Amino acid sequence: MRVRSTAFIVLLLAPGIVPGCSPSLWESEFKSNGAPAPPLARDAAVRLREVPWERLQGALGELRAQVASSDVHPDDWSPAQRADAHARLLRGLQITSDPAAVQVLGRSEFRTTSRVRPSDPQLEQFARRVGATTVIWTSTYTGKADSIEQEPVNEWRTGTITDRLNRERRADAFYSDNATIWIPVVVQKDEYAWMAYFLRER
C-alpha cells in the first residue's frame, strides 16, 4: 500500500488535543488521513484494542524527531522513507500485520473531563462509518481541570397580586412559591487525554 506523504505526516504530528444527542468526541475530533475507505456493514466486526500511552507517545516522539532531523521535507520523502514512517507507527500501535496491508484512515485525539468508555457503541459505530476494521486506543490521566456544571438551586419568590378589574374595591393577594433554577458552577474534575487510530486491514 502506498502511503500518502503530506496527509500522513500531518496526521502523525498534529497536536489536535481539544476538549462535547451530538457527535461523540471520537467523531468530532477525528482527523482524516485523506485516504477514505468504504463503510463497513452494520454488523461487521470491529476490533478494539488498547495500547499503553507511553508506548504510543514514544513512537510518535521518534517520528517527530525523524521529521525534525531530516533535511528533506516530508512532502518530498522517498517511498522508502514514507513506508518506514508508516511501519514505525504500526509498531507503536502493536500491529504485527504486514504494513503494506494496513491503511491508516485517521485518528481522534482529545482531552475531556466527561466519562468516556471505548466499549460504548459510539466508537464501534463510528469506526464502521469510516471503514475501520481495527481501532487502537490509549488514554492517560492528566490531572484536575475546571469544568462548568449546571447545578439546581431552589428560588423562593413572594409578591402581591392586585385585582385591577374590580372597581368597587381594590383587593391585594399575597403569594409565595418556589421554583428550581439551574446555575453554572465551576468544579474541579479528573481530566483524561485520549487517542485512537482507525485502521483498515486487508
C-alpha atoms as a PDB file:
ATOM      1  CA  MET A   1       0.000   0.000   0.000  1.00  0.00           C
ATOM      2  CA  ARG A   2       1.291   3.436  -0.878  1.00  0.00           C
ATOM      3  CA  VAL A   3       1.182   5.936   1.974  1.00  0.00           C
ATOM      4  CA  ARG A   4       0.192   9.490   1.105  1.00  0.00           C
ATOM      5  CA  SER A   5       3.003  11.732   2.274  1.00  0.00           C
ATOM      6  CA  THR A   6       1.530  15.088   3.328  1.00  0.00           C
ATOM      7  CA  ALA A   7      -1.642  13.851   4.979  1.00  0.00           C
ATOM      8  CA  PHE A   8       0.217  11.022   6.689  1.00  0.00           C
ATOM      9  CA  ILE A   9       2.853  13.254   8.269  1.00  0.00           C
ATOM     10  CA  VAL A  10       0.300  15.890   9.289  1.00  0.00           C
ATOM     11  CA  LEU A  11      -1.689  13.130  10.958  1.00  0.00           C
ATOM     12  CA  LEU A  12       1.349  11.940  12.853  1.00  0.00           C
ATOM     13  CA  LEU A  13       2.342  15.344  14.130  1.00  0.00           C
ATOM     14  CA  ALA A  14      -0.906  17.275  14.540  1.00  0.00           C
ATOM     15  CA  PRO A  15      -1.421  18.209  18.204  1.00  0.00           C
ATOM     16  CA  GLY A  16      -5.208  18.115  17.822  1.00  0.00           C
ATOM     17  CA  ILE A  17      -5.999  17.993  21.555  1.00  0.00           C
ATOM     18  CA  VAL A  18      -9.301  19.690  22.104  1.00  0.00           C
ATOM     19  CA  PRO A  19     -11.630  19.253  24.958  1.00  0.00           C
ATOM     20  CA  GLY A  20     -18.527  17.622  23.574  1.00  0.00           C
ATOM     21  CA  CYS A  21     -27.612  13.742  21.360  1.00  0.00           C
ATOM     22  CA  SER A  22     -24.386  15.289  19.368  1.00  0.00           C
ATOM     23  CA  PRO A  23     -21.472  13.572  17.651  1.00  0.00           C
ATOM     24  CA  SER A  24     -19.201  11.682  20.008  1.00  0.00           C
ATOM     25  CA  LEU A  25     -15.738  13.029  20.740  1.00  0.00           C
ATOM     26  CA  TRP A  26     -14.333  10.182  18.649  1.00  0.00           C
ATOM     27  CA  GLU A  27     -16.205  11.621  15.676  1.00  0.00           C
ATOM     28  CA  SER A  28     -15.965  15.372  16.336  1.00  0.00           C
ATOM     29  CA  GLU A  29     -12.184  15.186  16.915  1.00  0.00           C
ATOM     30  CA  PHE A  30     -11.467  12.801  14.046  1.00  0.00           C
ATOM     31  CA  LYS A  31      -8.712  13.868  11.644  1.00  0.00           C
ATOM     32  CA  SER A  32      -8.761  12.012   8.365  1.00  0.00           C
ATOM     33  CA  ASN A  33      -5.586  10.800   6.718  1.00  0.00           C
ATOM     34  CA  GLY A  34      -7.042  11.815   3.378  1.00  0.00           C
ATOM     35  CA  ALA A  35      -7.467   8.216   2.248  1.00  0.00           C
ATOM     36  CA  PRO A  36     -11.153   7.319   2.703  1.00  0.00           C
ATOM     37  CA  ALA A  37     -12.376   3.749   2.788  1.00  0.00           C
ATOM     38  CA  PRO A  38     -15.865   2.376   2.097  1.00  0.00           C
ATOM     39  CA  PRO A  39     -18.043   1.962   5.201  1.00  0.00           C
ATOM     40  CA  LEU A  40     -18.368  -1.450   6.797  1.00  0.00           C
ATOM     41  CA  ALA A  41     -21.621  -3.362   7.061  1.00  0.00           C
ATOM     42  CA  ARG A  42     -23.685  -2.534  10.140  1.00  0.00           C
ATOM     43  CA  ASP A  43     -22.987  -5.951  11.641  1.00  0.00           C
ATOM     44  CA  ALA A  44     -19.305  -6.127  10.617  1.00  0.00           C
ATOM     45  CA  ALA A  45     -16.848  -6.898  13.394  1.00  0.00           C
ATOM     46  CA  VAL A  46     -14.554  -4.103  14.567  1.00  0.00           C
ATOM     47  CA  ARG A  47     -11.536  -4.947  16.684  1.00  0.00           C
ATOM     48  CA  LEU A  48     -10.963  -2.559  19.593  1.00  0.00           C
ATOM     49  CA  ARG A  49      -7.584  -2.793  21.277  1.00  0.00           C
ATOM     50  CA  GLU A  50      -5.798  -0.745  23.948  1.00  0.00           C
ATOM     51  CA  VAL A  51      -2.074   0.023  23.897  1.00  0.00           C
ATOM     52  CA  PRO A  52      -0.016   1.712  26.628  1.00  0.00           C
ATOM     53  CA  TRP A  53       0.013   5.509  26.373  1.00  0.00           C
ATOM     54  CA  GLU A  54       3.787   5.646  26.932  1.00  0.00           C
ATOM     55  CA  ARG A  55       4.450   3.206  24.100  1.00  0.00           C
ATOM     56  CA  LEU A  56       2.470   5.154  21.518  1.00  0.00           C
ATOM     57  CA  GLN A  57       3.844   8.501  22.650  1.00  0.00           C
ATOM     58  CA  GLY A  58       7.366   7.091  22.394  1.00  0.00           C
ATOM     59  CA  ALA A  59       6.734   6.002  18.801  1.00  0.00           C
ATOM     60  CA  LEU A  60       5.249   9.396  17.892  1.00  0.00           C
ATOM     61  CA  GLY A  61       8.215  11.115  19.522  1.00  0.00           C
ATOM     62  CA  GLU A  62      10.616   9.111  17.357  1.00  0.00           C
ATOM     63  CA  LEU A  63       8.667  10.074  14.242  1.00  0.00           C
ATOM     64  CA  ARG A  64       8.715  13.755  15.186  1.00  0.00           C
ATOM     65  CA  ALA A  65      12.463  13.525  15.751  1.00  0.00           C
ATOM     66  CA  GLN A  66      12.860  11.893  12.333  1.00  0.00           C
ATOM     67  CA  VAL A  67      10.980  14.771  10.699  1.00  0.00           C
ATOM     68  CA  ALA A  68      12.980  17.389  12.637  1.00  0.00           C
ATOM     69  CA  SER A  69      16.355  15.874  11.743  1.00  0.00           C
ATOM     70  CA  SER A  70      15.603  15.364   8.068  1.00  0.00           C
ATOM     71  CA  ASP A  71      16.970  17.865   5.565  1.00  0.00           C
ATOM     72  CA  VAL A  72      14.132  16.858   3.259  1.00  0.00           C
ATOM     73  CA  HIS A  73      10.564  17.991   3.874  1.00  0.00           C
ATOM     74  CA  PRO A  74       8.169  15.058   4.469  1.00  0.00           C
ATOM     75  CA  ASP A  75       6.294  16.047   1.290  1.00  0.00           C
ATOM     76  CA  ASP A  76       9.434  15.107  -0.637  1.00  0.00           C
ATOM     77  CA  TRP A  77      10.305  11.908   1.209  1.00  0.00           C
ATOM     78  CA  SER A  78      11.018   8.879  -0.914  1.00  0.00           C
ATOM     79  CA  PRO A  79       8.561   5.961  -0.948  1.00  0.00           C
ATOM     80  CA  ALA A  80      11.017   4.055   1.242  1.00  0.00           C
ATOM     81  CA  GLN A  81      11.083   6.845   3.859  1.00  0.00           C
ATOM     82  CA  ARG A  82       7.286   7.067   3.918  1.00  0.00           C
ATOM     83  CA  ALA A  83       6.988   3.308   4.224  1.00  0.00           C
ATOM     84  CA  ASP A  84       9.464   3.344   7.106  1.00  0.00           C
ATOM     85  CA  ALA A  85       7.461   6.007   8.970  1.00  0.00           C
ATOM     86  CA  HIS A  86       4.273   4.016   8.364  1.00  0.00           C
ATOM     87  CA  ALA A  87       5.882   0.851   9.748  1.00  0.00           C
ATOM     88  CA  ARG A  88       7.199   2.721  12.820  1.00  0.00           C
ATOM     89  CA  LEU A  89       3.724   3.963  13.634  1.00  0.00           C
ATOM     90  CA  LEU A  90       2.217   0.491  13.292  1.00  0.00           C
ATOM     91  CA  ARG A  91       4.882  -0.930  15.587  1.00  0.00           C
ATOM     92  CA  GLY A  92       3.945   1.707  18.142  1.00  0.00           C
ATOM     93  CA  LEU A  93       0.335   0.567  17.787  1.00  0.00           C
ATOM     94  CA  GLN A  94       1.456  -3.062  18.285  1.00  0.00           C
ATOM     95  CA  ILE A  95       0.165  -4.058  14.853  1.00  0.00           C
ATOM     96  CA  THR A  96       2.043  -7.115  13.592  1.00  0.00           C
ATOM     97  CA  SER A  97       0.364  -7.365  10.170  1.00  0.00           C
ATOM     98  CA  ASP A  98       2.290  -6.563   7.014  1.00  0.00           C
ATOM     99  CA  PRO A  99       2.418  -2.717   6.947  1.00  0.00           C
ATOM    100  CA  ALA A 100       1.577  -2.782   3.234  1.00  0.00           C
ATOM    101  CA  ALA A 101      -1.773  -4.386   4.111  1.00  0.00           C
ATOM    102  CA  VAL A 102      -2.752  -1.784   6.712  1.00  0.00           C
ATOM    103  CA  GLN A 103      -4.238   1.611   5.837  1.00  0.00           C
ATOM    104  CA  VAL A 104      -4.255   4.393   8.438  1.00  0.00           C
ATOM    105  CA  LEU A 105      -7.588   6.154   7.947  1.00  0.00           C
ATOM    106  CA  GLY A 106      -7.174   8.800  10.635  1.00  0.00           C
ATOM    107  CA  ARG A 107      -7.096   9.429  14.343  1.00  0.00           C
ATOM    108  CA  SER A 108      -9.015  11.097  17.137  1.00  0.00           C
ATOM    109  CA  GLU A 109      -7.282  12.975  19.940  1.00  0.00           C
ATOM    110  CA  PHE A 110      -8.836  14.963  22.762  1.00  0.00           C
ATOM    111  CA  ARG A 111      -8.877  15.813  26.468  1.00  0.00           C
ATOM    112  CA  THR A 112     -12.049  15.674  28.477  1.00  0.00           C
ATOM    113  CA  THR A 113     -13.455  15.548  31.996  1.00  0.00           C
ATOM    114  CA  SER A 114     -16.504  13.683  30.686  1.00  0.00           C
ATOM    115  CA  ARG A 115     -16.831   9.956  31.082  1.00  0.00           C
ATOM    116  CA  VAL A 116     -15.504   8.075  28.049  1.00  0.00           C
ATOM    117  CA  ARG A 117     -15.758   4.334  27.507  1.00  0.00           C
ATOM    118  CA  PRO A 118     -14.245   2.809  24.355  1.00  0.00           C
ATOM    119  CA  SER A 119     -16.543  -0.176  24.874  1.00  0.00           C
ATOM    120  CA  ASP A 120     -19.596   2.036  24.362  1.00  0.00           C
ATOM    121  CA  PRO A 121     -21.281   1.526  20.960  1.00  0.00           C
ATOM    122  CA  GLN A 122     -20.367   5.050  19.768  1.00  0.00           C
ATOM    123  CA  LEU A 123     -16.749   4.216  18.972  1.00  0.00           C
ATOM    124  CA  GLU A 124     -17.541   0.988  17.157  1.00  0.00           C
ATOM    125  CA  GLN A 125     -20.371   2.590  15.178  1.00  0.00           C
ATOM    126  CA  PHE A 126     -18.167   5.487  14.075  1.00  0.00           C
ATOM    127  CA  ALA A 127     -15.388   3.070  13.102  1.00  0.00           C
ATOM    128  CA  ARG A 128     -17.791   1.246  10.788  1.00  0.00           C
ATOM    129  CA  ARG A 129     -18.857   4.527   9.166  1.00  0.00           C
ATOM    130  CA  VAL A 130     -15.271   5.464   8.291  1.00  0.00           C
ATOM    131  CA  GLY A 131     -14.479   1.909   7.178  1.00  0.00           C
ATOM    132  CA  ALA A 132     -12.112   0.943  10.008  1.00  0.00           C
ATOM    133  CA  THR A 133     -11.704  -2.738  10.807  1.00  0.00           C
ATOM    134  CA  THR A 134      -9.464  -2.006  13.810  1.00  0.00           C
ATOM    135  CA  VAL A 135      -9.315   0.805  16.356  1.00  0.00           C
ATOM    136  CA  ILE A 136      -6.258   1.150  18.563  1.00  0.00           C
ATOM    137  CA  TRP A 137      -6.878   3.431  21.533  1.00  0.00           C
ATOM    138  CA  THR A 138      -4.983   4.704  24.540  1.00  0.00           C
ATOM    139  CA  SER A 139      -5.606   7.058  27.438  1.00  0.00           C
ATOM    140  CA  THR A 140      -3.814   8.715  30.338  1.00  0.00           C
ATOM    141  CA  TYR A 141      -4.758  10.768  33.369  1.00  0.00           C
ATOM    142  CA  THR A 142      -3.701  14.414  33.038  1.00  0.00           C
ATOM    143  CA  GLY A 143      -4.790  15.827  36.417  1.00  0.00           C
ATOM    144  CA  LYS A 144      -7.560  18.114  37.605  1.00  0.00           C
ATOM    145  CA  ALA A 145      -9.262  20.596  35.280  1.00  0.00           C
ATOM    146  CA  ASP A 146     -12.041  23.165  35.594  1.00  0.00           C
ATOM    147  CA  SER A 147     -15.434  22.016  34.386  1.00  0.00           C
ATOM    148  CA  ILE A 148     -18.643  24.035  34.093  1.00  0.00           C
ATOM    149  CA  GLU A 149     -21.529  22.140  35.645  1.00  0.00           C
ATOM    150  CA  GLN A 150     -25.180  23.145  35.858  1.00  0.00           C
ATOM    151  CA  GLU A 151     -26.464  22.775  39.422  1.00  0.00           C
ATOM    152  CA  PRO A 152     -30.067  23.132  40.648  1.00  0.00           C
ATOM    153  CA  VAL A 153     -30.973  25.815  43.177  1.00  0.00           C
ATOM    154  CA  ASN A 154     -34.359  26.434  44.796  1.00  0.00           C
ATOM    155  CA  GLU A 155     -35.532  30.019  44.358  1.00  0.00           C
ATOM    156  CA  TRP A 156     -38.297  31.388  46.598  1.00  0.00           C
ATOM    157  CA  ARG A 157     -40.452  34.200  45.276  1.00  0.00           C
ATOM    158  CA  THR A 158     -43.050  36.366  47.056  1.00  0.00           C
ATOM    159  CA  GLY A 159     -45.227  39.240  45.915  1.00  0.00           C
ATOM    160  CA  THR A 160     -48.713  40.651  45.622  1.00  0.00           C
ATOM    161  CA  ILE A 161     -51.427  40.328  43.026  1.00  0.00           C
ATOM    162  CA  THR A 162     -53.758  43.339  42.626  1.00  0.00           C
ATOM    163  CA  ASP A 163     -57.289  42.934  41.294  1.00  0.00           C
ATOM    164  CA  ARG A 164     -57.498  45.953  38.977  1.00  0.00           C
ATOM    165  CA  LEU A 165     -60.727  44.814  37.284  1.00  0.00           C
ATOM    166  CA  ASN A 166     -62.831  45.277  40.395  1.00  0.00           C
ATOM    167  CA  ARG A 167     -63.745  48.980  40.525  1.00  0.00           C
ATOM    168  CA  GLU A 168     -65.847  48.542  43.645  1.00  0.00           C
ATOM    169  CA  ARG A 169     -62.867  47.734  45.772  1.00  0.00           C
ATOM    170  CA  ARG A 170     -59.172  47.088  45.448  1.00  0.00           C
ATOM    171  CA  ALA A 171     -58.091  43.650  46.634  1.00  0.00           C
ATOM    172  CA  ASP A 172     -54.481  42.608  47.023  1.00  0.00           C
ATOM    173  CA  ALA A 173     -53.486  38.980  47.383  1.00  0.00           C
ATOM    174  CA  PHE A 174     -50.123  37.835  48.641  1.00  0.00           C
ATOM    175  CA  TYR A 175     -48.412  34.829  47.168  1.00  0.00           C
ATOM    176  CA  SER A 176     -45.303  32.773  47.803  1.00  0.00           C
ATOM    177  CA  ASP A 177     -43.884  29.986  45.650  1.00  0.00           C
ATOM    178  CA  ASN A 178     -40.629  28.333  44.737  1.00  0.00           C
ATOM    179  CA  ALA A 179     -39.009  27.157  41.514  1.00  0.00           C
ATOM    180  CA  THR A 180     -35.879  25.280  40.535  1.00  0.00           C
ATOM    181  CA  ILE A 181     -33.332  27.223  38.543  1.00  0.00           C
ATOM    182  CA  TRP A 182     -30.029  25.995  37.118  1.00  0.00           C
ATOM    183  CA  ILE A 183     -26.841  27.990  37.580  1.00  0.00           C
ATOM    184  CA  PRO A 184     -23.350  27.364  36.150  1.00  0.00           C
ATOM    185  CA  VAL A 185     -20.769  26.323  38.725  1.00  0.00           C
ATOM    186  CA  VAL A 186     -17.034  25.772  38.183  1.00  0.00           C
ATOM    187  CA  VAL A 187     -15.895  22.476  39.675  1.00  0.00           C
ATOM    188  CA  GLN A 188     -12.627  20.552  39.611  1.00  0.00           C
ATOM    189  CA  LYS A 189     -12.846  17.185  37.852  1.00  0.00           C
ATOM    190  CA  ASP A 190     -10.421  14.496  36.730  1.00  0.00           C
ATOM    191  CA  GLU A 191      -9.248  15.015  33.148  1.00  0.00           C
ATOM    192  CA  TYR A 192      -8.028  12.329  30.761  1.00  0.00           C
ATOM    193  CA  ALA A 193      -6.291  12.516  27.395  1.00  0.00           C
ATOM    194  CA  TRP A 194      -7.488  10.065  24.744  1.00  0.00           C
ATOM    195  CA  MET A 195      -6.111   8.977  21.387  1.00  0.00           C
ATOM    196  CA  ALA A 196      -7.419   6.445  18.886  1.00  0.00           C
ATOM    197  CA  TYR A 197      -6.121   5.327  15.488  1.00  0.00           C
ATOM    198  CA  PHE A 198      -8.551   3.966  12.913  1.00  0.00           C
ATOM    199  CA  LEU A 199      -7.077   1.284  10.665  1.00  0.00           C
ATOM    200  CA  ARG A 200      -8.282  -0.677   7.645  1.00  0.00           C
ATOM    201  CA  GLU A 201      -6.606  -4.075   7.451  1.00  0.00           C
ATOM    202  CA  ARG A 202      -6.780  -6.216   4.335  1.00  0.00           C
END
